[in-house]
Amino acid sequence: MGRPPTRPKKLKDGYYIEVRNTGAASGIKIRRDTEDEMALAVKDYEKSKDVIILGESVNGKFINDAKPVKKKK
């Protein structure tokens, strides 16, 4: 057993949302290829979870300057 990684994972190109249980401090990032697919995923998950739209990632960095948008049910 080795030491766990401390460097964050590199992000693939695409659109990201973060999905959390209601009231949780952390969640998982979900990637979609297009903005329309991301909007459909937001619509599906916002029924039972807290959804944060992170935006578009290119070369491992988010290209939009807007702050993450929270969507609540």
N, C-alpha and C. Protein backbone atom coordinates (compact mmCIF):
# COMPACT_ATOMS: atom_id res chain seq x y z
N MET A 1 0.83 -1.18 0.00
CA MET A 1 0.00 0.00 0.00
C MET A 1 0.88 1.24 0.00
N GLY A 2 0.56 2.14 -0.88
CA GLY A 2 1.34 3.36 -1.00
C GLY A 2 0.64 4.54 -0.36
N ARG A 3 1.25 5.62 -0.54
CA ARG A 3 0.72 6.87 -0.01
C ARG A 3 -0.40 7.38 -0.92
N PRO A 4 -1.47 7.91 -0.35
CA PRO A 4 -2.56 8.39 -1.21
C PRO A 4 -2.16 9.64 -1.98
N PRO A 5 -2.74 9.85 -3.16
CA PRO A 5 -2.36 11.03 -3.97
C PRO A 5 -2.84 12.32 -3.33
N THR A 6 -2.04 13.37 -3.45
CA THR A 6 -2.43 14.67 -2.90
C THR A 6 -2.72 15.67 -4.01
N ARG A 7 -2.29 15.38 -5.20
CA ARG A 7 -2.53 16.26 -6.34
C ARG A 7 -3.96 16.06 -6.84
N PRO A 8 -4.69 17.12 -7.15
CA PRO A 8 -6.05 16.95 -7.65
C PRO A 8 -6.06 16.31 -9.04
N LYS A 9 -7.13 15.60 -9.34
CA LYS A 9 -7.27 14.95 -10.64
C LYS A 9 -7.38 15.99 -11.75
N LYS A 10 -6.86 15.64 -12.94
CA LYS A 10 -7.00 16.51 -14.10
C LYS A 10 -8.40 16.32 -14.66
N LEU A 11 -9.03 17.44 -15.02
CA LEU A 11 -10.39 17.39 -15.54
C LEU A 11 -10.39 17.26 -17.06
N LYS A 12 -11.27 16.43 -17.59
CA LYS A 12 -11.44 16.32 -19.03
C LYS A 12 -12.22 17.52 -19.53
N ASP A 13 -12.14 17.78 -20.82
CA ASP A 13 -12.91 18.87 -21.42
C ASP A 13 -14.40 18.52 -21.40
N GLY A 14 -15.20 19.50 -21.02
CA GLY A 14 -16.64 19.29 -20.98
C GLY A 14 -17.29 20.22 -19.99
N TYR A 15 -18.56 19.98 -19.73
CA TYR A 15 -19.34 20.80 -18.81
C TYR A 15 -19.53 20.02 -17.51
N TYR A 16 -19.31 20.68 -16.37
CA TYR A 16 -19.34 20.03 -15.08
C TYR A 16 -20.43 20.58 -14.18
N ILE A 17 -21.03 19.66 -13.40
CA ILE A 17 -21.91 20.04 -12.31
C ILE A 17 -21.45 19.27 -11.08
N GLU A 18 -21.74 19.80 -9.92
CA GLU A 18 -21.46 19.10 -8.68
C GLU A 18 -22.79 18.76 -8.03
N VAL A 19 -22.96 17.49 -7.66
CA VAL A 19 -24.20 17.00 -7.08
C VAL A 19 -23.92 16.60 -5.64
N ARG A 20 -24.72 17.14 -4.72
CA ARG A 20 -24.56 16.87 -3.29
C ARG A 20 -25.89 16.42 -2.70
N ASN A 21 -25.81 15.64 -1.64
CA ASN A 21 -27.01 15.38 -0.86
C ASN A 21 -27.40 16.68 -0.18
N THR A 22 -28.67 16.85 0.10
CA THR A 22 -29.15 18.07 0.72
C THR A 22 -28.47 18.28 2.06
N GLY A 23 -27.79 19.42 2.23
CA GLY A 23 -27.11 19.75 3.47
C GLY A 23 -25.70 19.19 3.59
N ALA A 24 -25.20 18.47 2.61
CA ALA A 24 -23.87 17.88 2.68
C ALA A 24 -22.81 18.92 2.35
N ALA A 25 -21.59 18.70 2.85
CA ALA A 25 -20.49 19.63 2.62
C ALA A 25 -19.74 19.33 1.32
N SER A 26 -19.79 18.11 0.85
CA SER A 26 -19.07 17.76 -0.37
C SER A 26 -19.97 16.91 -1.26
N GLY A 27 -19.60 16.83 -2.52
CA GLY A 27 -20.38 16.05 -3.48
C GLY A 27 -19.49 15.46 -4.54
N ILE A 28 -20.11 15.03 -5.65
CA ILE A 28 -19.35 14.47 -6.76
C ILE A 28 -19.51 15.36 -7.97
N LYS A 29 -18.48 15.38 -8.82
CA LYS A 29 -18.52 16.15 -10.05
C LYS A 29 -18.97 15.23 -11.18
N ILE A 30 -19.88 15.73 -11.99
CA ILE A 30 -20.39 14.97 -13.12
C ILE A 30 -20.11 15.77 -14.38
N ARG A 31 -19.55 15.09 -15.40
CA ARG A 31 -19.19 15.75 -16.65
C ARG A 31 -20.14 15.34 -17.77
N ARG A 32 -20.50 16.32 -18.58
CA ARG A 32 -21.28 16.07 -19.79
C ARG A 32 -20.57 16.75 -20.96
N ASP A 33 -20.77 16.23 -22.17
CA ASP A 33 -20.08 16.75 -23.34
C ASP A 33 -20.64 18.08 -23.82
N THR A 34 -21.95 18.26 -23.76
CA THR A 34 -22.55 19.48 -24.27
C THR A 34 -23.32 20.20 -23.16
N GLU A 35 -23.61 21.46 -23.41
CA GLU A 35 -24.35 22.26 -22.44
C GLU A 35 -25.81 21.78 -22.31
N ASP A 36 -26.37 21.29 -23.41
CA ASP A 36 -27.74 20.77 -23.35
C ASP A 36 -27.82 19.51 -22.50
N GLU A 37 -26.83 18.62 -22.63
CA GLU A 37 -26.80 17.42 -21.80
C GLU A 37 -26.63 17.78 -20.33
N MET A 38 -25.81 18.82 -20.06
CA MET A 38 -25.62 19.26 -18.69
C MET A 38 -26.94 19.80 -18.12
N ALA A 39 -27.69 20.55 -18.91
CA ALA A 39 -28.97 21.09 -18.46
C ALA A 39 -29.96 19.97 -18.14
N LEU A 40 -29.96 18.91 -18.95
CA LEU A 40 -30.83 17.76 -18.67
C LEU A 40 -30.44 17.07 -17.37
N ALA A 41 -29.13 16.93 -17.13
CA ALA A 41 -28.66 16.31 -15.89
C ALA A 41 -29.05 17.16 -14.68
N VAL A 42 -28.95 18.48 -14.81
CA VAL A 42 -29.35 19.37 -13.72
C VAL A 42 -30.82 19.19 -13.41
N LYS A 43 -31.62 19.11 -14.45
CA LYS A 43 -33.06 18.94 -14.28
C LYS A 43 -33.39 17.63 -13.57
N ASP A 44 -32.66 16.56 -13.91
CA ASP A 44 -32.89 15.26 -13.28
C ASP A 44 -32.47 15.26 -11.81
N TYR A 45 -31.29 15.80 -11.52
CA TYR A 45 -30.74 15.70 -10.16
C TYR A 45 -31.35 16.70 -9.19
N GLU A 46 -31.87 17.83 -9.67
CA GLU A 46 -32.34 18.86 -8.75
C GLU A 46 -33.63 18.47 -8.03
N LYS A 47 -34.25 17.37 -8.44
CA LYS A 47 -35.45 16.91 -7.75
C LYS A 47 -35.14 16.42 -6.34
N SER A 48 -33.98 15.80 -6.15
CA SER A 48 -33.68 15.23 -4.84
C SER A 48 -32.33 15.65 -4.26
N LYS A 49 -31.52 16.38 -5.02
CA LYS A 49 -30.18 16.75 -4.58
C LYS A 49 -29.96 18.25 -4.74
N ASP A 50 -28.88 18.74 -4.12
CA ASP A 50 -28.41 20.10 -4.37
C ASP A 50 -27.46 20.04 -5.55
N VAL A 51 -27.64 20.92 -6.53
CA VAL A 51 -26.83 20.92 -7.74
C VAL A 51 -26.11 22.26 -7.86
N ILE A 52 -24.79 22.20 -8.10
CA ILE A 52 -23.99 23.40 -8.34
C ILE A 52 -23.42 23.29 -9.75
N ILE A 53 -23.70 24.29 -10.58
CA ILE A 53 -23.19 24.30 -11.94
C ILE A 53 -21.79 24.91 -11.91
N LEU A 54 -20.78 24.12 -12.26
CA LEU A 54 -19.39 24.58 -12.23
C LEU A 54 -18.98 25.23 -13.54
N GLY A 55 -19.55 24.82 -14.66
CA GLY A 55 -19.26 25.45 -15.94
C GLY A 55 -18.44 24.56 -16.86
N GLU A 56 -17.85 25.19 -17.88
CA GLU A 56 -17.09 24.47 -18.90
C GLU A 56 -15.62 24.39 -18.54
N SER A 57 -15.03 23.23 -18.73
CA SER A 57 -13.62 23.01 -18.46
C SER A 57 -12.88 22.74 -19.76
N VAL A 58 -11.78 23.47 -19.98
CA VAL A 58 -10.92 23.26 -21.14
C VAL A 58 -9.49 23.21 -20.62
N ASN A 59 -8.76 22.17 -21.00
CA ASN A 59 -7.38 21.95 -20.56
C ASN A 59 -7.25 21.95 -19.04
N GLY A 60 -8.23 21.38 -18.36
CA GLY A 60 -8.16 21.24 -16.91
C GLY A 60 -8.53 22.47 -16.12
N LYS A 61 -8.97 23.55 -16.78
CA LYS A 61 -9.35 24.77 -16.07
C LYS A 61 -10.74 25.20 -16.53
N PHE A 62 -11.48 25.82 -15.62
CA PHE A 62 -12.80 26.34 -15.97
C PHE A 62 -12.62 27.66 -16.69
N ILE A 63 -13.24 27.78 -17.88
CA ILE A 63 -13.00 28.96 -18.71
C ILE A 63 -13.96 30.11 -18.44
N ASN A 64 -15.10 29.83 -17.82
CA ASN A 64 -16.02 30.93 -17.55
C ASN A 64 -15.62 31.61 -16.24
N ASP A 65 -15.77 32.92 -16.18
CA ASP A 65 -15.37 33.68 -15.01
C ASP A 65 -16.48 33.77 -13.97
N ALA A 66 -17.65 33.26 -14.29
CA ALA A 66 -18.78 33.35 -13.37
C ALA A 66 -18.55 32.42 -12.18
N LYS A 67 -19.08 32.81 -11.03
CA LYS A 67 -18.99 31.97 -9.85
C LYS A 67 -19.97 30.82 -10.00
N PRO A 68 -19.72 29.71 -9.28
CA PRO A 68 -20.64 28.57 -9.37
C PRO A 68 -22.06 28.97 -8.96
N VAL A 69 -23.03 28.45 -9.70
CA VAL A 69 -24.44 28.77 -9.47
C VAL A 69 -25.07 27.59 -8.74
N LYS A 70 -25.74 27.86 -7.63
CA LYS A 70 -26.42 26.82 -6.88
C LYS A 70 -27.85 26.71 -7.36
N LYS A 71 -28.28 25.48 -7.57
CA LYS A 71 -29.68 25.21 -7.93
C LYS A 71 -30.25 24.39 -6.80
N LYS A 72 -31.31 24.87 -6.19
CA LYS A 72 -31.97 24.11 -5.14
C LYS A 72 -33.32 23.67 -5.63
N LYS A 73 -33.84 22.63 -5.00
CA LYS A 73 -35.14 22.11 -5.42
C LYS A 73 -36.28 22.97 -5.02
